[in-house]
Amino acid sequence: MSLNPAVDPIPKAAVEGVVTLRRANAEDLELLRYWHRQPHVVTAAGDDWGWEAELSRRPEWREQFIAEVGGKPIGFVQIIDPAREDTQYWGGIAAGNRAIDIWIGEKDSLGRGYGTQMMRQAIERSFADPSVTALLVDPRDNNLRACRFYERLGFEFVVRRCFDGDYCAVYRLSRAAAAPDTRKTA
């Protein structure tokens, strides 16, 4: 029996793997510092986030995760309550929102569907709280790839806004517009 090289006998999902999220912790410090020096992460995430201090804090309004595939760390997800966040980055914002930050740290993990899995898990986790009515993301407005990514996930453009010197495109996903599997209610 010969295999046809044009036909992949292994399903794509088995090749690309499944993303799992685990809580970020102090042991992730050097990994996050390394990722934050990568040009594709700087484009998405901006300047250093003060990881040493931030990994030691566990405020009620924030969750930080390392995304892994097969036990290998590949990216980062942060979910915050922007109304309660201590820097007030989002300004005066109503309760009931969550803001999500995401990036793939490992360049060889880009373009493999991992970001979509990460975002779907973040969306589901956020909407598991019945008080959450909408999710926000703020990619840099010149990061067209990220903007298209969020649009494919159902986020709608709201406004262009300058945050800490970076011009961003603010996108919103309402609970009603989210995919059916993410609209969990109490």
N, C-alpha and C. Protein backbone atom coordinates (compact mmCIF):
# COMPACT_ATOMS: atom_id res chain seq x y z
N MET A 1 0.84 -1.17 0.00
CA MET A 1 0.00 0.00 0.00
C MET A 1 0.90 1.24 0.00
N SER A 2 0.58 2.19 -0.87
CA SER A 2 1.35 3.44 -0.88
C SER A 2 0.42 4.58 -0.49
N LEU A 3 1.00 5.53 0.21
CA LEU A 3 0.22 6.69 0.64
C LEU A 3 0.29 7.77 -0.41
N ASN A 4 -0.79 8.42 -0.64
CA ASN A 4 -0.84 9.55 -1.55
C ASN A 4 -0.35 10.76 -0.78
N PRO A 5 0.81 11.33 -1.15
CA PRO A 5 1.33 12.47 -0.39
C PRO A 5 0.44 13.70 -0.46
N ALA A 6 -0.50 13.75 -1.39
CA ALA A 6 -1.40 14.90 -1.49
C ALA A 6 -2.53 14.81 -0.47
N VAL A 7 -2.71 13.64 0.15
CA VAL A 7 -3.78 13.45 1.13
C VAL A 7 -3.15 13.23 2.50
N ASP A 8 -3.48 14.07 3.44
CA ASP A 8 -2.95 13.96 4.79
C ASP A 8 -3.85 13.00 5.57
N PRO A 9 -3.35 11.81 5.96
CA PRO A 9 -4.19 10.84 6.66
C PRO A 9 -4.47 11.21 8.12
N ILE A 10 -3.78 12.22 8.64
CA ILE A 10 -3.99 12.63 10.03
C ILE A 10 -4.87 13.87 10.03
N PRO A 11 -5.98 13.84 10.78
CA PRO A 11 -6.85 15.03 10.84
C PRO A 11 -6.07 16.25 11.30
N LYS A 12 -6.40 17.41 10.73
CA LYS A 12 -5.69 18.65 11.03
C LYS A 12 -5.67 18.95 12.53
N ALA A 13 -6.77 18.72 13.23
CA ALA A 13 -6.82 19.01 14.66
C ALA A 13 -5.78 18.20 15.42
N ALA A 14 -5.54 16.96 15.00
CA ALA A 14 -4.55 16.14 15.68
C ALA A 14 -3.13 16.66 15.43
N VAL A 15 -2.91 17.25 14.28
CA VAL A 15 -1.59 17.80 13.95
C VAL A 15 -1.36 19.08 14.75
N GLU A 16 -2.35 19.94 14.78
CA GLU A 16 -2.17 21.25 15.42
C GLU A 16 -2.31 21.19 16.93
N GLY A 17 -3.01 20.24 17.46
CA GLY A 17 -3.15 20.12 18.89
C GLY A 17 -4.26 20.96 19.47
N VAL A 18 -4.47 20.75 20.73
CA VAL A 18 -5.52 21.43 21.47
C VAL A 18 -4.88 22.36 22.48
N VAL A 19 -5.37 23.56 22.54
CA VAL A 19 -4.86 24.55 23.48
C VAL A 19 -5.53 24.37 24.83
N THR A 20 -4.72 24.38 25.88
CA THR A 20 -5.24 24.42 27.24
C THR A 20 -4.69 25.68 27.91
N LEU A 21 -5.45 26.20 28.84
CA LEU A 21 -5.03 27.38 29.59
C LEU A 21 -4.74 26.98 31.02
N ARG A 22 -3.63 27.48 31.54
CA ARG A 22 -3.31 27.32 32.95
C ARG A 22 -2.95 28.68 33.52
N ARG A 23 -3.14 28.85 34.79
CA ARG A 23 -2.82 30.12 35.44
C ARG A 23 -1.34 30.45 35.28
N ALA A 24 -1.04 31.68 34.91
CA ALA A 24 0.34 32.16 34.88
C ALA A 24 0.83 32.29 36.32
N ASN A 25 2.11 32.02 36.52
CA ASN A 25 2.66 32.11 37.87
C ASN A 25 4.11 32.60 37.81
N ALA A 26 4.73 32.73 38.96
CA ALA A 26 6.09 33.28 39.05
C ALA A 26 7.10 32.48 38.23
N GLU A 27 6.87 31.18 38.07
CA GLU A 27 7.79 30.36 37.27
C GLU A 27 7.76 30.74 35.79
N ASP A 28 6.76 31.50 35.36
CA ASP A 28 6.64 31.92 33.96
C ASP A 28 7.37 33.24 33.67
N LEU A 29 8.01 33.81 34.66
CA LEU A 29 8.62 35.13 34.52
C LEU A 29 9.58 35.21 33.33
N GLU A 30 10.55 34.33 33.26
CA GLU A 30 11.55 34.41 32.18
C GLU A 30 10.90 34.14 30.82
N LEU A 31 9.95 33.23 30.75
CA LEU A 31 9.24 32.95 29.51
C LEU A 31 8.50 34.19 29.03
N LEU A 32 7.78 34.86 29.91
CA LEU A 32 7.04 36.07 29.52
C LEU A 32 7.98 37.20 29.13
N ARG A 33 9.07 37.34 29.83
CA ARG A 33 10.08 38.34 29.44
C ARG A 33 10.62 38.04 28.04
N TYR A 34 10.92 36.76 27.79
CA TYR A 34 11.43 36.35 26.48
C TYR A 34 10.39 36.66 25.39
N TRP A 35 9.16 36.24 25.59
CA TRP A 35 8.11 36.50 24.60
C TRP A 35 7.96 37.99 24.36
N HIS A 36 8.04 38.77 25.43
CA HIS A 36 7.80 40.21 25.30
C HIS A 36 8.94 40.93 24.56
N ARG A 37 10.02 40.24 24.29
CA ARG A 37 11.09 40.80 23.46
C ARG A 37 10.93 40.44 21.99
N GLN A 38 10.00 39.54 21.67
CA GLN A 38 9.82 39.10 20.29
C GLN A 38 9.09 40.17 19.49
N PRO A 39 9.57 40.51 18.29
CA PRO A 39 8.95 41.59 17.51
C PRO A 39 7.45 41.41 17.28
N HIS A 40 6.99 40.18 17.02
CA HIS A 40 5.56 39.98 16.78
C HIS A 40 4.73 40.19 18.04
N VAL A 41 5.32 39.98 19.21
CA VAL A 41 4.61 40.24 20.47
C VAL A 41 4.62 41.73 20.78
N VAL A 42 5.74 42.40 20.57
CA VAL A 42 5.81 43.84 20.79
C VAL A 42 4.75 44.55 19.94
N THR A 43 4.56 44.07 18.70
CA THR A 43 3.53 44.64 17.82
C THR A 43 2.15 44.49 18.43
N ALA A 44 1.89 43.35 19.06
CA ALA A 44 0.57 43.07 19.62
C ALA A 44 0.38 43.63 21.03
N ALA A 45 1.41 43.55 21.85
CA ALA A 45 1.25 43.82 23.28
C ALA A 45 1.88 45.10 23.77
N GLY A 46 2.72 45.72 22.98
CA GLY A 46 3.36 46.95 23.43
C GLY A 46 4.53 46.68 24.34
N ASP A 47 4.82 47.66 25.17
CA ASP A 47 5.99 47.60 26.04
C ASP A 47 5.84 46.54 27.13
N ASP A 48 6.96 46.29 27.82
CA ASP A 48 6.99 45.34 28.92
C ASP A 48 5.91 45.65 29.94
N TRP A 49 5.31 44.63 30.49
CA TRP A 49 4.20 44.79 31.42
C TRP A 49 4.64 44.75 32.88
N GLY A 50 5.94 44.78 33.16
CA GLY A 50 6.39 44.72 34.55
C GLY A 50 6.07 43.36 35.15
N TRP A 51 6.50 42.32 34.43
CA TRP A 51 6.08 40.95 34.77
C TRP A 51 6.42 40.54 36.19
N GLU A 52 7.59 40.92 36.69
CA GLU A 52 7.98 40.47 38.02
C GLU A 52 6.95 40.91 39.07
N ALA A 53 6.52 42.15 39.00
CA ALA A 53 5.51 42.64 39.94
C ALA A 53 4.14 42.05 39.63
N GLU A 54 3.78 42.00 38.35
CA GLU A 54 2.42 41.57 37.99
C GLU A 54 2.15 40.09 38.27
N LEU A 55 3.16 39.25 38.10
CA LEU A 55 2.95 37.83 38.37
C LEU A 55 2.79 37.54 39.86
N SER A 56 3.25 38.44 40.71
CA SER A 56 3.11 38.23 42.15
C SER A 56 1.77 38.75 42.68
N ARG A 57 1.05 39.48 41.84
CA ARG A 57 -0.27 40.02 42.25
C ARG A 57 -1.39 39.12 41.75
N ARG A 58 -2.45 39.02 42.51
CA ARG A 58 -3.63 38.26 42.11
C ARG A 58 -4.90 39.07 42.41
N PRO A 59 -5.05 40.22 41.75
CA PRO A 59 -6.26 41.01 42.03
C PRO A 59 -7.52 40.27 41.56
N GLU A 60 -8.61 40.52 42.24
CA GLU A 60 -9.88 39.86 41.92
C GLU A 60 -10.37 40.20 40.52
N TRP A 61 -9.95 41.30 39.98
CA TRP A 61 -10.45 41.77 38.69
C TRP A 61 -9.65 41.26 37.49
N ARG A 62 -8.66 40.37 37.72
CA ARG A 62 -7.80 39.93 36.61
C ARG A 62 -7.48 38.44 36.70
N GLU A 63 -7.44 37.82 35.52
CA GLU A 63 -6.96 36.45 35.38
C GLU A 63 -5.90 36.44 34.29
N GLN A 64 -4.77 35.76 34.53
CA GLN A 64 -3.70 35.66 33.54
C GLN A 64 -3.40 34.17 33.32
N PHE A 65 -3.29 33.79 32.05
CA PHE A 65 -3.10 32.40 31.70
C PHE A 65 -1.95 32.23 30.71
N ILE A 66 -1.31 31.08 30.81
CA ILE A 66 -0.37 30.62 29.79
C ILE A 66 -1.13 29.59 28.97
N ALA A 67 -1.10 29.76 27.66
CA ALA A 67 -1.70 28.79 26.75
C ALA A 67 -0.65 27.75 26.41
N GLU A 68 -1.05 26.50 26.46
CA GLU A 68 -0.13 25.41 26.16
C GLU A 68 -0.75 24.47 25.13
N VAL A 69 0.11 23.85 24.35
CA VAL A 69 -0.28 22.79 23.43
C VAL A 69 0.62 21.61 23.73
N GLY A 70 0.02 20.52 24.14
CA GLY A 70 0.82 19.35 24.48
C GLY A 70 1.81 19.61 25.59
N GLY A 71 1.47 20.50 26.52
CA GLY A 71 2.35 20.85 27.63
C GLY A 71 3.40 21.89 27.30
N LYS A 72 3.47 22.33 26.04
CA LYS A 72 4.45 23.34 25.63
C LYS A 72 3.79 24.72 25.66
N PRO A 73 4.34 25.68 26.43
CA PRO A 73 3.78 27.03 26.44
C PRO A 73 3.91 27.69 25.07
N ILE A 74 2.80 28.29 24.60
CA ILE A 74 2.83 28.93 23.28
C ILE A 74 2.30 30.36 23.31
N GLY A 75 1.57 30.75 24.36
CA GLY A 75 0.98 32.08 24.35
C GLY A 75 0.44 32.51 25.70
N PHE A 76 -0.18 33.67 25.68
CA PHE A 76 -0.65 34.33 26.90
C PHE A 76 -2.05 34.88 26.69
N VAL A 77 -2.87 34.78 27.73
CA VAL A 77 -4.22 35.36 27.73
C VAL A 77 -4.42 36.09 29.06
N GLN A 78 -4.98 37.29 28.98
CA GLN A 78 -5.35 38.03 30.18
C GLN A 78 -6.80 38.48 30.03
N ILE A 79 -7.58 38.29 31.08
CA ILE A 79 -8.96 38.74 31.12
C ILE A 79 -9.08 39.67 32.32
N ILE A 80 -9.57 40.88 32.08
CA ILE A 80 -9.73 41.83 33.18
C ILE A 80 -11.15 42.38 33.22
N ASP A 81 -11.52 42.87 34.39
CA ASP A 81 -12.73 43.66 34.55
C ASP A 81 -12.27 45.12 34.44
N PRO A 82 -12.50 45.77 33.30
CA PRO A 82 -11.95 47.11 33.10
C PRO A 82 -12.54 48.17 34.03
N ALA A 83 -13.71 47.93 34.59
CA ALA A 83 -14.30 48.90 35.52
C ALA A 83 -13.57 48.87 36.87
N ARG A 84 -12.94 47.75 37.19
CA ARG A 84 -12.28 47.60 38.49
C ARG A 84 -10.76 47.63 38.40
N GLU A 85 -10.21 47.56 37.21
CA GLU A 85 -8.77 47.51 37.00
C GLU A 85 -8.10 48.75 37.58
N ASP A 86 -6.98 48.57 38.27
CA ASP A 86 -6.41 49.67 39.07
C ASP A 86 -5.77 50.81 38.29
N THR A 87 -5.32 50.61 37.06
CA THR A 87 -4.72 51.73 36.33
C THR A 87 -5.77 52.57 35.61
N GLN A 88 -6.99 52.06 35.52
CA GLN A 88 -8.08 52.72 34.79
C GLN A 88 -7.71 52.98 33.33
N TYR A 89 -6.98 52.04 32.75
CA TYR A 89 -6.56 52.09 31.35
C TYR A 89 -7.75 52.37 30.43
N TRP A 90 -8.88 51.75 30.69
CA TRP A 90 -10.07 51.89 29.84
C TRP A 90 -10.88 53.14 30.17
N GLY A 91 -10.48 53.89 31.18
CA GLY A 91 -11.24 55.07 31.57
C GLY A 91 -12.51 54.69 32.32
N GLY A 92 -13.44 55.62 32.37
CA GLY A 92 -14.71 55.36 33.04
C GLY A 92 -15.55 54.42 32.19
N ILE A 93 -15.67 53.21 32.61
CA ILE A 93 -16.40 52.20 31.84
C ILE A 93 -17.38 51.50 32.75
N ALA A 94 -18.52 51.17 32.23
CA ALA A 94 -19.58 50.54 33.01
C ALA A 94 -19.19 49.13 33.45
N ALA A 95 -19.79 48.69 34.52
CA ALA A 95 -19.64 47.31 34.98
C ALA A 95 -20.27 46.38 33.92
N GLY A 96 -19.88 45.13 33.97
CA GLY A 96 -20.46 44.15 33.06
C GLY A 96 -19.63 43.87 31.82
N ASN A 97 -18.47 44.49 31.72
CA ASN A 97 -17.57 44.26 30.59
C ASN A 97 -16.36 43.45 31.04
N ARG A 98 -15.72 42.80 30.10
CA ARG A 98 -14.41 42.20 30.31
C ARG A 98 -13.55 42.62 29.13
N ALA A 99 -12.27 42.84 29.38
CA ALA A 99 -11.31 43.15 28.33
C ALA A 99 -10.33 41.99 28.25
N ILE A 100 -9.99 41.61 27.03
CA ILE A 100 -9.13 40.46 26.81
C ILE A 100 -7.88 40.89 26.06
N ASP A 101 -6.73 40.44 26.55
CA ASP A 101 -5.45 40.58 25.86
C ASP A 101 -4.98 39.18 25.53
N ILE A 102 -4.43 39.01 24.34
CA ILE A 102 -3.98 37.69 23.91
C ILE A 102 -2.79 37.86 22.97
N TRP A 103 -1.84 36.95 23.05
CA TRP A 103 -0.81 36.86 22.03
C TRP A 103 -0.18 35.48 22.04
N ILE A 104 0.34 35.13 20.88
CA ILE A 104 1.12 33.91 20.70
C ILE A 104 2.57 34.31 20.90
N GLY A 105 3.26 33.69 21.84
CA GLY A 105 4.64 34.04 22.12
C GLY A 105 5.63 33.34 21.21
N GLU A 106 5.33 32.10 20.86
CA GLU A 106 6.23 31.32 20.03
C GLU A 106 5.91 31.53 18.56
N LYS A 107 6.86 32.08 17.81
CA LYS A 107 6.64 32.40 16.41
C LYS A 107 6.21 31.19 15.59
N ASP A 108 6.76 30.00 15.91
CA ASP A 108 6.39 28.81 15.15
C ASP A 108 4.97 28.33 15.45
N SER A 109 4.30 28.98 16.39
CA SER A 109 2.92 28.63 16.72
C SER A 109 1.91 29.57 16.07
N LEU A 110 2.40 30.57 15.34
CA LEU A 110 1.51 31.50 14.65
C LEU A 110 0.85 30.82 13.45
N GLY A 111 -0.38 31.22 13.14
CA GLY A 111 -1.06 30.74 11.95
C GLY A 111 -1.49 29.28 12.00
N ARG A 112 -1.62 28.73 13.18
CA ARG A 112 -1.99 27.31 13.32
C ARG A 112 -3.34 27.12 14.00
N GLY A 113 -4.07 28.21 14.22
CA GLY A 113 -5.38 28.11 14.84
C GLY A 113 -5.37 28.19 16.36
N TYR A 114 -4.20 28.33 16.95
CA TYR A 114 -4.11 28.37 18.41
C TYR A 114 -4.74 29.64 18.98
N GLY A 115 -4.54 30.77 18.30
CA GLY A 115 -5.13 32.02 18.78
C GLY A 115 -6.65 31.93 18.81
N THR A 116 -7.24 31.30 17.81
CA THR A 116 -8.69 31.12 17.78
C THR A 116 -9.14 30.28 18.96
N GLN A 117 -8.43 29.18 19.23
CA GLN A 117 -8.77 28.36 20.39
C GLN A 117 -8.64 29.15 21.69
N MET A 118 -7.57 29.93 21.79
CA MET A 118 -7.35 30.72 23.00
C MET A 118 -8.49 31.72 23.20
N MET A 119 -8.86 32.42 22.13
CA MET A 119 -9.93 33.42 22.24
C MET A 119 -11.27 32.76 22.55
N ARG A 120 -11.56 31.65 21.92
CA ARG A 120 -12.84 30.97 22.22
C ARG A 120 -12.92 30.57 23.68
N GLN A 121 -11.80 30.10 24.23
CA GLN A 121 -11.80 29.75 25.66
C GLN A 121 -11.96 31.00 26.53
N ALA A 122 -11.32 32.09 26.15
CA ALA A 122 -11.45 33.34 26.92
C ALA A 122 -12.88 33.88 26.83
N ILE A 123 -13.48 33.78 25.66
CA ILE A 123 -14.87 34.23 25.49
C ILE A 123 -15.80 33.39 26.36
N GLU A 124 -15.65 32.08 26.28
CA GLU A 124 -16.49 31.18 27.07
C GLU A 124 -16.31 31.44 28.56
N ARG A 125 -15.07 31.57 28.99
CA ARG A 125 -14.78 31.82 30.41
C ARG A 125 -15.41 33.14 30.87
N SER A 126 -15.29 34.17 30.04
CA SER A 126 -15.83 35.48 30.40
C SER A 126 -17.36 35.46 30.50
N PHE A 127 -18.01 34.86 29.51
CA PHE A 127 -19.47 34.82 29.51
C PHE A 127 -20.05 33.78 30.46
N ALA A 128 -19.21 32.96 31.08
CA ALA A 128 -19.70 32.04 32.11
C ALA A 128 -20.21 32.83 33.32
N ASP A 129 -19.72 34.05 33.48
CA ASP A 129 -20.20 34.96 34.53
C ASP A 129 -21.45 35.64 33.99
N PRO A 130 -22.62 35.39 34.57
CA PRO A 130 -23.86 35.96 34.03
C PRO A 130 -23.92 37.48 34.07
N SER A 131 -23.07 38.13 34.86
CA SER A 131 -23.09 39.60 34.92
C SER A 131 -22.35 40.24 33.75
N VAL A 132 -21.60 39.44 32.99
CA VAL A 132 -20.82 39.97 31.87
C VAL A 132 -21.73 40.09 30.65
N THR A 133 -21.80 41.31 30.11
CA THR A 133 -22.66 41.55 28.95
C THR A 133 -21.88 41.76 27.66
N ALA A 134 -20.59 42.11 27.77
CA ALA A 134 -19.80 42.37 26.56
C ALA A 134 -18.31 42.20 26.84
N LEU A 135 -17.58 41.90 25.76
CA LEU A 135 -16.13 41.76 25.81
C LEU A 135 -15.50 42.82 24.94
N LEU A 136 -14.33 43.30 25.34
CA LEU A 136 -13.61 44.34 24.60
C LEU A 136 -12.20 43.87 24.28
N VAL A 137 -11.72 44.26 23.12
CA VAL A 137 -10.32 44.07 22.73
C VAL A 137 -9.86 45.38 22.11
N ASP A 138 -8.55 45.61 22.15
CA ASP A 138 -8.02 46.88 21.65
C ASP A 138 -6.72 46.70 20.88
N PRO A 139 -6.76 45.97 19.75
CA PRO A 139 -5.52 45.84 18.97
C PRO A 139 -5.07 47.18 18.44
N ARG A 140 -3.78 47.32 18.22
CA ARG A 140 -3.29 48.54 17.57
C ARG A 140 -3.99 48.66 16.22
N ASP A 141 -4.38 49.88 15.88
CA ASP A 141 -5.20 50.05 14.67
C ASP A 141 -4.45 49.73 13.38
N ASN A 142 -3.13 49.69 13.42
CA ASN A 142 -2.37 49.32 12.22
C ASN A 142 -2.08 47.82 12.16
N ASN A 143 -2.53 47.07 13.15
CA ASN A 143 -2.36 45.62 13.16
C ASN A 143 -3.59 45.00 12.49
N LEU A 144 -3.61 45.09 11.16
CA LEU A 144 -4.79 44.65 10.40
C LEU A 144 -5.07 43.17 10.56
N ARG A 145 -4.03 42.39 10.71
CA ARG A 145 -4.23 40.95 10.90
C ARG A 145 -5.03 40.68 12.19
N ALA A 146 -4.67 41.37 13.27
CA ALA A 146 -5.39 41.21 14.53
C ALA A 146 -6.83 41.71 14.40
N CYS A 147 -7.02 42.84 13.73
CA CYS A 147 -8.37 43.37 13.55
C CYS A 147 -9.25 42.38 12.81
N ARG A 148 -8.73 41.80 11.73
CA ARG A 148 -9.50 40.80 10.97
C ARG A 148 -9.79 39.56 11.82
N PHE A 149 -8.82 39.17 12.64
CA PHE A 149 -8.99 38.02 13.54
C PHE A 149 -10.19 38.24 14.46
N TYR A 150 -10.24 39.40 15.11
CA TYR A 150 -11.35 39.68 16.02
C TYR A 150 -12.68 39.77 15.26
N GLU A 151 -12.67 40.35 14.09
CA GLU A 151 -13.89 40.43 13.28
C GLU A 151 -14.41 39.04 12.93
N ARG A 152 -13.51 38.12 12.58
CA ARG A 152 -13.93 36.74 12.26
C ARG A 152 -14.58 36.07 13.47
N LEU A 153 -14.18 36.47 14.68
CA LEU A 153 -14.75 35.90 15.89
C LEU A 153 -16.05 36.59 16.31
N GLY A 154 -16.51 37.58 15.52
CA GLY A 154 -17.78 38.24 15.81
C GLY A 154 -17.67 39.58 16.50
N PHE A 155 -16.46 40.03 16.82
CA PHE A 155 -16.29 41.34 17.44
C PHE A 155 -16.62 42.42 16.42
N GLU A 156 -17.24 43.48 16.88
CA GLU A 156 -17.60 44.61 16.01
C GLU A 156 -16.78 45.83 16.39
N PHE A 157 -16.31 46.53 15.36
CA PHE A 157 -15.53 47.75 15.57
C PHE A 157 -16.41 48.79 16.26
N VAL A 158 -15.84 49.48 17.27
CA VAL A 158 -16.57 50.52 18.00
C VAL A 158 -15.97 51.89 17.72
N VAL A 159 -14.66 52.04 17.97
CA VAL A 159 -14.04 53.35 17.86
C VAL A 159 -12.52 53.20 17.81
N ARG A 160 -11.87 54.19 17.22
CA ARG A 160 -10.42 54.28 17.31
C ARG A 160 -10.12 55.16 18.52
N ARG A 161 -9.11 54.76 19.30
CA ARG A 161 -8.84 55.47 20.53
C ARG A 161 -7.35 55.37 20.85
N CYS A 162 -6.81 56.39 21.47
CA CYS A 162 -5.41 56.39 21.88
C CYS A 162 -5.34 55.95 23.35
N PHE A 163 -4.63 54.84 23.59
CA PHE A 163 -4.39 54.33 24.93
C PHE A 163 -2.89 54.41 25.19
N ASP A 164 -2.50 55.14 26.19
CA ASP A 164 -1.08 55.22 26.58
C ASP A 164 -0.16 55.46 25.39
N GLY A 165 -0.57 56.32 24.46
CA GLY A 165 0.25 56.67 23.31
C GLY A 165 0.12 55.73 22.12
N ASP A 166 -0.65 54.66 22.25
CA ASP A 166 -0.85 53.72 21.13
C ASP A 166 -2.25 53.93 20.55
N TYR A 167 -2.32 54.06 19.22
CA TYR A 167 -3.61 54.19 18.56
C TYR A 167 -4.18 52.80 18.34
N CYS A 168 -5.36 52.58 18.89
CA CYS A 168 -5.97 51.26 18.91
C CYS A 168 -7.36 51.29 18.26
N ALA A 169 -7.77 50.14 17.79
CA ALA A 169 -9.13 49.94 17.30
C ALA A 169 -9.86 49.15 18.38
N VAL A 170 -10.87 49.75 18.98
CA VAL A 170 -11.63 49.08 20.03
C VAL A 170 -12.73 48.26 19.37
N TYR A 171 -12.79 46.99 19.74
CA TYR A 171 -13.82 46.07 19.25
C TYR A 171 -14.62 45.55 20.43
N ARG A 172 -15.88 45.21 20.17
CA ARG A 172 -16.79 44.74 21.21
C ARG A 172 -17.54 43.50 20.72
N LEU A 173 -17.71 42.55 21.62
CA LEU A 173 -18.53 41.36 21.36
C LEU A 173 -19.58 41.29 22.46
N SER A 174 -20.83 41.46 22.08
CA SER A 174 -21.90 41.37 23.08
C SER A 174 -22.24 39.90 23.34
N ARG A 175 -22.82 39.65 24.48
CA ARG A 175 -23.26 38.29 24.81
C ARG A 175 -24.22 37.78 23.73
N ALA A 176 -25.13 38.64 23.30
CA ALA A 176 -26.13 38.23 22.30
C ALA A 176 -25.48 37.88 20.96
N ALA A 177 -24.38 38.54 20.61
CA ALA A 177 -23.72 38.29 19.33
C ALA A 177 -22.72 37.14 19.38
N ALA A 178 -22.38 36.69 20.59
CA ALA A 178 -21.40 35.62 20.73
C ALA A 178 -21.95 34.32 20.16
N ALA A 179 -21.07 33.42 19.81
CA ALA A 179 -21.48 32.12 19.31
C ALA A 179 -22.36 31.43 20.35
N PRO A 180 -23.29 30.59 19.91
CA PRO A 180 -24.22 29.96 20.84
C PRO A 180 -23.55 29.23 22.01
N ASP A 181 -22.40 28.62 21.80
CA ASP A 181 -21.76 27.89 22.89
C ASP A 181 -21.10 28.80 23.91
N THR A 182 -21.07 30.11 23.67
CA THR A 182 -20.47 31.04 24.63
C THR A 182 -21.51 31.91 25.31
N ARG A 183 -22.79 31.69 25.03
CA ARG A 183 -23.84 32.53 25.61
C ARG A 183 -24.45 31.89 26.85
N LYS A 184 -23.65 31.27 27.64
CA LYS A 184 -24.16 30.62 28.85
C LYS A 184 -24.73 31.64 29.81
N THR A 185 -25.82 31.28 30.40
CA THR A 185 -26.45 32.15 31.40
C THR A 185 -26.63 31.35 32.67
N ALA A 186 -26.94 32.05 33.74
CA ALA A 186 -27.10 31.39 35.04
C ALA A 186 -28.36 30.56 35.09
